Amino acid sequence: MEIVTILRTLWHRRVLVGLVALIAVAVGWTLAWGMTFPPKSRSYTVGVATTRILVDTPNSQVLEVAPKGSETLGARASVLANLMVDGEIKAAIARRAGLRPTKLQAGAPEDGEPQEGGAPDKPLGPKSYALKTDVVISSDLVELPIIEV
């Protein structure tokens, strides 16, 4: 019986209910589409790509068990990952992607937290281009000679 009472109250205030419904639709339209007519979508397309680069010795560690210099490959990979997001290498990557070097935001692993990875300087938006590098970490927290871009 309580539902009947509620429905009767709403029916007596149907003009007010209609007005509130109209305001709710207008607010929803504004949030979804903006203040434009005809509606223009606020969505944008995002593309993400990931690749891994193996840092190797002249006598490949894939073929030999422990070639000379293989013990420092993890540290070398870390140095290369840091260099890729700064200076001339970053500029070359941006040019190769068809961008101005200033348009490409880049981040590298933070000191002491190589598994987390760094974030670009500015917040990313719909027109942003970002590059992030990281060194792959093994389960026992040893840097592998693999750079993830």
N, C-alpha and C. Protein backbone atom coordinates (compact mmCIF):
# COMPACT_ATOMS: atom_id res chain seq x y z
N MET A 1 0.81 -1.20 0.00
CA MET A 1 0.00 0.00 0.00
C MET A 1 0.85 1.26 0.00
N GLU A 2 2.05 1.14 0.50
CA GLU A 2 2.91 2.32 0.56
C GLU A 2 3.29 2.80 -0.83
N ILE A 3 3.46 1.87 -1.78
CA ILE A 3 3.81 2.23 -3.16
C ILE A 3 2.68 3.03 -3.79
N VAL A 4 1.47 2.67 -3.51
CA VAL A 4 0.32 3.41 -4.06
C VAL A 4 0.34 4.84 -3.55
N THR A 5 0.65 5.04 -2.30
CA THR A 5 0.71 6.39 -1.72
C THR A 5 1.82 7.21 -2.38
N ILE A 6 2.95 6.59 -2.60
CA ILE A 6 4.06 7.28 -3.25
C ILE A 6 3.69 7.67 -4.68
N LEU A 7 3.10 6.75 -5.43
CA LEU A 7 2.71 7.03 -6.80
C LEU A 7 1.66 8.14 -6.88
N ARG A 8 0.72 8.15 -5.93
CA ARG A 8 -0.29 9.22 -5.92
C ARG A 8 0.36 10.58 -5.64
N THR A 9 1.33 10.61 -4.72
CA THR A 9 2.03 11.86 -4.41
C THR A 9 2.80 12.36 -5.64
N LEU A 10 3.47 11.44 -6.32
CA LEU A 10 4.20 11.82 -7.54
C LEU A 10 3.25 12.30 -8.63
N TRP A 11 2.08 11.67 -8.75
CA TRP A 11 1.11 12.07 -9.76
C TRP A 11 0.58 13.48 -9.47
N HIS A 12 0.38 13.80 -8.21
CA HIS A 12 -0.09 15.14 -7.87
C HIS A 12 0.97 16.20 -8.15
N ARG A 13 2.22 15.78 -8.12
CA ARG A 13 3.33 16.71 -8.39
C ARG A 13 4.00 16.40 -9.72
N ARG A 14 3.22 15.97 -10.70
CA ARG A 14 3.76 15.52 -11.98
C ARG A 14 4.50 16.63 -12.74
N VAL A 15 4.08 17.87 -12.59
CA VAL A 15 4.78 18.97 -13.27
C VAL A 15 6.18 19.12 -12.69
N LEU A 16 6.30 19.04 -11.37
CA LEU A 16 7.60 19.13 -10.72
C LEU A 16 8.47 17.93 -11.10
N VAL A 17 7.91 16.74 -11.14
CA VAL A 17 8.66 15.53 -11.52
C VAL A 17 9.15 15.65 -12.97
N GLY A 18 8.30 16.16 -13.86
CA GLY A 18 8.69 16.36 -15.25
C GLY A 18 9.81 17.37 -15.39
N LEU A 19 9.74 18.44 -14.61
CA LEU A 19 10.78 19.47 -14.63
C LEU A 19 12.12 18.91 -14.15
N VAL A 20 12.10 18.13 -13.07
CA VAL A 20 13.32 17.51 -12.55
C VAL A 20 13.88 16.52 -13.56
N ALA A 21 13.03 15.75 -14.24
CA ALA A 21 13.48 14.80 -15.26
C ALA A 21 14.13 15.55 -16.42
N LEU A 22 13.54 16.67 -16.82
CA LEU A 22 14.09 17.47 -17.91
C LEU A 22 15.46 18.04 -17.54
N ILE A 23 15.60 18.52 -16.32
CA ILE A 23 16.90 19.04 -15.84
C ILE A 23 17.93 17.91 -15.80
N ALA A 24 17.53 16.73 -15.35
CA ALA A 24 18.46 15.59 -15.29
C ALA A 24 18.95 15.21 -16.69
N VAL A 25 18.05 15.22 -17.68
CA VAL A 25 18.45 14.91 -19.05
C VAL A 25 19.41 15.98 -19.57
N ALA A 26 19.14 17.24 -19.27
CA ALA A 26 20.02 18.34 -19.73
C ALA A 26 21.41 18.22 -19.11
N VAL A 27 21.47 17.91 -17.82
CA VAL A 27 22.78 17.75 -17.15
C VAL A 27 23.51 16.55 -17.73
N GLY A 28 22.82 15.44 -17.96
CA GLY A 28 23.43 14.26 -18.56
C GLY A 28 23.96 14.54 -19.95
N TRP A 29 23.20 15.27 -20.76
CA TRP A 29 23.62 15.66 -22.11
C TRP A 29 24.90 16.49 -22.04
N THR A 30 24.93 17.45 -21.13
CA THR A 30 26.09 18.33 -20.99
C THR A 30 27.33 17.53 -20.58
N LEU A 31 27.17 16.59 -19.66
CA LEU A 31 28.32 15.78 -19.23
C LEU A 31 28.81 14.85 -20.33
N ALA A 32 27.90 14.29 -21.09
CA ALA A 32 28.28 13.32 -22.12
C ALA A 32 28.77 13.99 -23.40
N TRP A 33 28.14 15.04 -23.84
CA TRP A 33 28.42 15.60 -25.15
C TRP A 33 28.94 17.03 -25.10
N GLY A 34 28.84 17.72 -24.01
CA GLY A 34 29.22 19.12 -23.95
C GLY A 34 28.04 20.00 -24.33
N MET A 35 28.27 21.29 -24.42
CA MET A 35 27.20 22.24 -24.71
C MET A 35 27.08 22.48 -26.22
N THR A 36 27.07 21.43 -27.02
CA THR A 36 27.00 21.59 -28.46
C THR A 36 25.77 20.90 -29.03
N PHE A 37 25.28 21.47 -30.12
CA PHE A 37 24.22 20.81 -30.86
C PHE A 37 24.54 20.99 -32.33
N PRO A 38 24.58 20.00 -33.14
CA PRO A 38 24.38 18.59 -32.83
C PRO A 38 25.49 18.06 -31.94
N PRO A 39 25.23 16.95 -31.27
CA PRO A 39 26.20 16.44 -30.29
C PRO A 39 27.54 16.08 -30.94
N LYS A 40 28.61 16.45 -30.25
CA LYS A 40 29.97 16.14 -30.70
C LYS A 40 30.62 15.29 -29.61
N SER A 41 31.08 14.10 -29.96
CA SER A 41 31.64 13.17 -29.00
C SER A 41 32.87 13.74 -28.31
N ARG A 42 33.00 13.44 -27.01
CA ARG A 42 34.17 13.88 -26.25
C ARG A 42 35.24 12.80 -26.19
N SER A 43 35.03 11.70 -26.84
CA SER A 43 35.98 10.59 -26.77
C SER A 43 37.14 10.83 -27.74
N TYR A 44 38.23 10.11 -27.53
CA TYR A 44 39.38 10.16 -28.40
C TYR A 44 40.03 8.79 -28.44
N THR A 45 40.80 8.55 -29.47
CA THR A 45 41.44 7.27 -29.67
C THR A 45 42.81 7.26 -29.01
N VAL A 46 43.12 6.16 -28.36
CA VAL A 46 44.41 6.00 -27.69
C VAL A 46 45.11 4.78 -28.29
N GLY A 47 46.37 4.94 -28.59
CA GLY A 47 47.16 3.82 -29.10
C GLY A 47 48.33 3.56 -28.17
N VAL A 48 48.61 2.29 -27.93
CA VAL A 48 49.71 1.91 -27.05
C VAL A 48 50.48 0.78 -27.74
N ALA A 49 51.80 0.89 -27.72
CA ALA A 49 52.64 -0.17 -28.28
C ALA A 49 53.77 -0.46 -27.30
N THR A 50 54.17 -1.70 -27.22
CA THR A 50 55.27 -2.10 -26.34
C THR A 50 56.20 -3.01 -27.12
N THR A 51 57.49 -2.83 -26.90
CA THR A 51 58.47 -3.73 -27.49
C THR A 51 59.59 -3.96 -26.48
N ARG A 52 60.36 -5.00 -26.68
CA ARG A 52 61.49 -5.30 -25.80
C ARG A 52 62.75 -5.39 -26.64
N ILE A 53 63.84 -4.84 -26.10
CA ILE A 53 65.13 -4.83 -26.78
C ILE A 53 66.12 -5.61 -25.94
N LEU A 54 66.79 -6.58 -26.54
CA LEU A 54 67.81 -7.37 -25.84
C LEU A 54 69.16 -6.72 -26.00
N VAL A 55 69.82 -6.43 -24.89
CA VAL A 55 71.18 -5.89 -24.90
C VAL A 55 72.11 -7.10 -24.80
N ASP A 56 72.99 -7.24 -25.79
CA ASP A 56 73.81 -8.45 -25.87
C ASP A 56 75.29 -8.09 -26.00
N THR A 57 76.15 -9.08 -25.85
CA THR A 57 77.60 -8.91 -26.00
C THR A 57 77.98 -9.21 -27.45
N PRO A 58 79.20 -8.82 -27.88
CA PRO A 58 79.63 -9.15 -29.25
C PRO A 58 79.59 -10.66 -29.53
N ASN A 59 80.05 -11.46 -28.56
CA ASN A 59 79.87 -12.91 -28.64
C ASN A 59 78.56 -13.21 -27.92
N SER A 60 77.53 -13.42 -28.65
CA SER A 60 76.17 -13.46 -28.11
C SER A 60 76.03 -14.39 -26.91
N GLN A 61 75.37 -13.89 -25.88
CA GLN A 61 75.09 -14.71 -24.71
C GLN A 61 74.02 -15.74 -24.99
N VAL A 62 73.34 -15.59 -26.11
CA VAL A 62 72.35 -16.59 -26.51
C VAL A 62 73.06 -17.86 -26.96
N LEU A 63 74.24 -17.70 -27.60
CA LEU A 63 74.99 -18.84 -28.09
C LEU A 63 76.00 -19.37 -27.08
N GLU A 64 76.63 -18.48 -26.32
CA GLU A 64 77.62 -18.89 -25.32
C GLU A 64 77.02 -18.80 -23.93
N VAL A 65 77.51 -19.62 -23.02
CA VAL A 65 76.96 -19.65 -21.67
C VAL A 65 77.31 -18.40 -20.89
N ALA A 66 78.55 -18.01 -20.83
CA ALA A 66 78.97 -16.84 -20.06
C ALA A 66 80.03 -16.07 -20.82
N PRO A 67 79.66 -15.34 -21.87
CA PRO A 67 80.67 -14.59 -22.62
C PRO A 67 81.24 -13.44 -21.80
N LYS A 68 82.39 -12.96 -22.21
CA LYS A 68 83.05 -11.87 -21.52
C LYS A 68 82.14 -10.63 -21.55
N GLY A 69 81.92 -10.01 -20.38
CA GLY A 69 81.10 -8.81 -20.28
C GLY A 69 79.64 -9.07 -19.98
N SER A 70 79.23 -10.33 -19.88
CA SER A 70 77.81 -10.63 -19.67
C SER A 70 77.32 -10.28 -18.26
N GLU A 71 78.26 -10.19 -17.30
CA GLU A 71 77.84 -9.87 -15.92
C GLU A 71 77.39 -8.42 -15.76
N THR A 72 77.76 -7.55 -16.68
CA THR A 72 77.38 -6.13 -16.58
C THR A 72 76.25 -5.74 -17.54
N LEU A 73 75.67 -6.71 -18.20
CA LEU A 73 74.64 -6.38 -19.19
C LEU A 73 73.41 -5.73 -18.58
N GLY A 74 73.01 -6.13 -17.39
CA GLY A 74 71.85 -5.52 -16.73
C GLY A 74 72.07 -4.04 -16.46
N ALA A 75 73.26 -3.70 -15.97
CA ALA A 75 73.59 -2.30 -15.72
C ALA A 75 73.68 -1.51 -17.02
N ARG A 76 74.22 -2.13 -18.06
CA ARG A 76 74.30 -1.46 -19.36
C ARG A 76 72.90 -1.20 -19.92
N ALA A 77 72.02 -2.15 -19.76
CA ALA A 77 70.64 -1.97 -20.22
C ALA A 77 69.98 -0.82 -19.48
N SER A 78 70.25 -0.70 -18.18
CA SER A 78 69.69 0.40 -17.39
C SER A 78 70.20 1.75 -17.88
N VAL A 79 71.49 1.83 -18.18
CA VAL A 79 72.06 3.07 -18.70
C VAL A 79 71.42 3.42 -20.05
N LEU A 80 71.29 2.44 -20.92
CA LEU A 80 70.68 2.69 -22.23
C LEU A 80 69.22 3.13 -22.09
N ALA A 81 68.48 2.51 -21.16
CA ALA A 81 67.08 2.88 -20.95
C ALA A 81 66.97 4.33 -20.50
N ASN A 82 67.89 4.77 -19.65
CA ASN A 82 67.89 6.17 -19.20
C ASN A 82 68.29 7.12 -20.33
N LEU A 83 69.21 6.71 -21.18
CA LEU A 83 69.65 7.56 -22.29
C LEU A 83 68.57 7.71 -23.37
N MET A 84 67.74 6.70 -23.52
CA MET A 84 66.72 6.71 -24.56
C MET A 84 65.65 7.77 -24.34
N VAL A 85 65.48 8.24 -23.13
CA VAL A 85 64.41 9.20 -22.83
C VAL A 85 64.94 10.61 -22.62
N ASP A 86 66.17 10.85 -23.06
CA ASP A 86 66.76 12.18 -22.85
C ASP A 86 67.67 12.51 -24.02
N GLY A 87 67.79 13.77 -24.30
CA GLY A 87 68.77 14.28 -25.24
C GLY A 87 68.59 13.85 -26.67
N GLU A 88 69.71 13.54 -27.30
CA GLU A 88 69.74 13.29 -28.74
C GLU A 88 69.02 11.99 -29.13
N ILE A 89 69.09 10.97 -28.28
CA ILE A 89 68.41 9.72 -28.61
C ILE A 89 66.89 9.92 -28.59
N LYS A 90 66.39 10.64 -27.59
CA LYS A 90 64.95 10.95 -27.54
C LYS A 90 64.54 11.76 -28.76
N ALA A 91 65.36 12.73 -29.15
CA ALA A 91 65.06 13.55 -30.33
C ALA A 91 65.04 12.68 -31.59
N ALA A 92 65.95 11.75 -31.71
CA ALA A 92 65.98 10.86 -32.87
C ALA A 92 64.74 9.97 -32.92
N ILE A 93 64.32 9.47 -31.76
CA ILE A 93 63.11 8.65 -31.69
C ILE A 93 61.89 9.49 -32.10
N ALA A 94 61.82 10.72 -31.61
CA ALA A 94 60.69 11.59 -31.95
C ALA A 94 60.66 11.89 -33.45
N ARG A 95 61.82 12.21 -34.03
CA ARG A 95 61.87 12.48 -35.47
C ARG A 95 61.46 11.25 -36.27
N ARG A 96 61.90 10.09 -35.83
CA ARG A 96 61.57 8.84 -36.53
C ARG A 96 60.06 8.56 -36.45
N ALA A 97 59.42 9.03 -35.37
CA ALA A 97 57.98 8.86 -35.22
C ALA A 97 57.20 9.97 -35.91
N GLY A 98 57.91 10.94 -36.49
CA GLY A 98 57.25 12.03 -37.19
C GLY A 98 56.79 13.15 -36.28
N LEU A 99 57.45 13.31 -35.12
CA LEU A 99 57.09 14.34 -34.14
C LEU A 99 58.25 15.30 -33.93
N ARG A 100 57.91 16.49 -33.44
CA ARG A 100 58.96 17.39 -32.97
C ARG A 100 59.47 16.83 -31.64
N PRO A 101 60.75 16.92 -31.36
CA PRO A 101 61.29 16.39 -30.10
C PRO A 101 60.64 16.98 -28.85
N THR A 102 60.19 18.23 -28.93
CA THR A 102 59.57 18.85 -27.76
C THR A 102 58.16 18.31 -27.50
N LYS A 103 57.57 17.67 -28.51
CA LYS A 103 56.21 17.14 -28.36
C LYS A 103 56.19 15.77 -27.66
N LEU A 104 57.32 15.08 -27.64
CA LEU A 104 57.40 13.74 -27.06
C LEU A 104 57.78 13.84 -25.59
N GLN A 105 56.89 13.37 -24.72
CA GLN A 105 57.19 13.32 -23.28
C GLN A 105 57.81 11.97 -22.98
N ALA A 106 58.82 11.97 -22.14
CA ALA A 106 59.54 10.72 -21.89
C ALA A 106 59.79 10.54 -20.40
N GLY A 107 59.82 9.27 -19.97
CA GLY A 107 60.10 8.93 -18.58
C GLY A 107 60.96 7.69 -18.52
N ALA A 108 61.78 7.59 -17.50
CA ALA A 108 62.68 6.46 -17.31
C ALA A 108 62.49 5.91 -15.91
N PRO A 109 63.10 4.76 -15.62
CA PRO A 109 62.98 4.19 -14.28
C PRO A 109 63.50 5.14 -13.21
N GLU A 110 62.82 5.17 -12.09
CA GLU A 110 63.25 5.98 -10.94
C GLU A 110 64.38 5.26 -10.22
N ASP A 111 65.30 5.99 -9.62
CA ASP A 111 66.39 5.37 -8.87
C ASP A 111 65.83 4.61 -7.67
N GLY A 112 66.29 3.39 -7.50
CA GLY A 112 65.85 2.58 -6.37
C GLY A 112 64.57 1.81 -6.62
N GLU A 113 63.85 2.14 -7.68
CA GLU A 113 62.61 1.43 -8.00
C GLU A 113 62.57 1.11 -9.50
N PRO A 114 63.50 0.31 -10.00
CA PRO A 114 63.53 0.06 -11.43
C PRO A 114 62.31 -0.69 -11.94
N GLN A 115 61.63 -1.45 -11.09
CA GLN A 115 60.48 -2.21 -11.57
C GLN A 115 59.23 -1.36 -11.76
N GLU A 116 59.18 -0.20 -11.13
CA GLU A 116 58.00 0.66 -11.23
C GLU A 116 57.99 1.48 -12.51
N GLY A 117 59.11 2.03 -12.89
CA GLY A 117 59.17 2.87 -14.08
C GLY A 117 58.74 4.29 -13.77
N GLY A 118 59.26 5.22 -14.51
CA GLY A 118 58.95 6.62 -14.30
C GLY A 118 57.78 7.07 -15.14
N ALA A 119 57.26 8.21 -14.82
CA ALA A 119 56.16 8.78 -15.58
C ALA A 119 56.62 10.02 -16.29
N PRO A 120 55.99 10.36 -17.39
CA PRO A 120 56.34 11.60 -18.07
C PRO A 120 56.13 12.81 -17.16
N ASP A 121 56.81 13.93 -17.50
CA ASP A 121 56.78 15.13 -16.66
C ASP A 121 55.39 15.73 -16.51
N LYS A 122 54.66 15.90 -17.61
CA LYS A 122 53.35 16.54 -17.58
C LYS A 122 52.25 15.48 -17.66
N PRO A 123 51.04 15.80 -17.19
CA PRO A 123 49.95 14.83 -17.34
C PRO A 123 49.64 14.62 -18.82
N LEU A 124 49.31 13.38 -19.16
CA LEU A 124 49.00 13.05 -20.54
C LEU A 124 47.57 13.41 -20.87
N GLY A 125 47.33 13.87 -22.08
CA GLY A 125 46.00 14.22 -22.54
C GLY A 125 45.73 13.60 -23.90
N PRO A 126 44.65 14.00 -24.55
CA PRO A 126 44.28 13.40 -25.83
C PRO A 126 45.27 13.68 -26.95
N LYS A 127 46.06 14.72 -26.85
CA LYS A 127 47.02 15.07 -27.91
C LYS A 127 48.46 14.81 -27.47
N SER A 128 48.66 13.97 -26.45
CA SER A 128 50.00 13.73 -25.90
C SER A 128 50.66 12.53 -26.57
N TYR A 129 51.97 12.58 -26.62
CA TYR A 129 52.79 11.47 -27.10
C TYR A 129 53.81 11.18 -26.02
N ALA A 130 53.87 9.92 -25.58
CA ALA A 130 54.75 9.58 -24.45
C ALA A 130 55.64 8.39 -24.81
N LEU A 131 56.82 8.39 -24.23
CA LEU A 131 57.79 7.31 -24.37
C LEU A 131 58.25 6.95 -22.98
N LYS A 132 58.19 5.67 -22.64
CA LYS A 132 58.63 5.21 -21.33
C LYS A 132 59.52 4.00 -21.51
N THR A 133 60.66 3.99 -20.85
CA THR A 133 61.55 2.84 -20.90
C THR A 133 61.70 2.24 -19.51
N ASP A 134 61.99 0.97 -19.48
CA ASP A 134 62.18 0.28 -18.21
C ASP A 134 63.05 -0.94 -18.46
N VAL A 135 63.78 -1.37 -17.45
CA VAL A 135 64.59 -2.58 -17.54
C VAL A 135 63.81 -3.71 -16.89
N VAL A 136 63.72 -4.84 -17.57
CA VAL A 136 62.99 -5.98 -17.05
C VAL A 136 63.73 -6.55 -15.85
N ILE A 137 62.97 -6.87 -14.80
CA ILE A 137 63.53 -7.40 -13.55
C ILE A 137 63.12 -8.87 -13.42
N SER A 138 64.07 -9.72 -13.01
CA SER A 138 63.75 -11.13 -12.79
C SER A 138 63.03 -11.31 -11.46
N SER A 139 62.57 -12.51 -11.19
CA SER A 139 61.83 -12.78 -9.95
C SER A 139 62.69 -12.60 -8.70
N ASP A 140 64.01 -12.72 -8.84
CA ASP A 140 64.88 -12.48 -7.68
C ASP A 140 65.47 -11.06 -7.71
N LEU A 141 64.78 -10.14 -8.38
CA LEU A 141 65.09 -8.70 -8.42
C LEU A 141 66.46 -8.37 -9.01
N VAL A 142 66.86 -9.12 -10.03
CA VAL A 142 68.09 -8.86 -10.76
C VAL A 142 67.70 -8.24 -12.09
N GLU A 143 68.40 -7.14 -12.48
CA GLU A 143 68.11 -6.50 -13.75
C GLU A 143 68.55 -7.41 -14.90
N LEU A 144 67.63 -7.70 -15.80
CA LEU A 144 67.94 -8.48 -16.98
C LEU A 144 68.39 -7.54 -18.10
N PRO A 145 69.14 -8.02 -19.07
CA PRO A 145 69.60 -7.15 -20.16
C PRO A 145 68.51 -6.93 -21.22
N ILE A 146 67.31 -6.62 -20.76
CA ILE A 146 66.17 -6.40 -21.66
C ILE A 146 65.55 -5.06 -21.32
N ILE A 147 65.43 -4.21 -22.32
CA ILE A 147 64.80 -2.90 -22.16
C ILE A 147 63.39 -2.98 -22.70
N GLU A 148 62.41 -2.60 -21.88
CA GLU A 148 61.03 -2.55 -22.34
C GLU A 148 60.70 -1.11 -22.69
N VAL A 149 60.25 -0.88 -23.93
CA VAL A 149 59.93 0.46 -24.41
C VAL A 149 58.43 0.53 -24.65
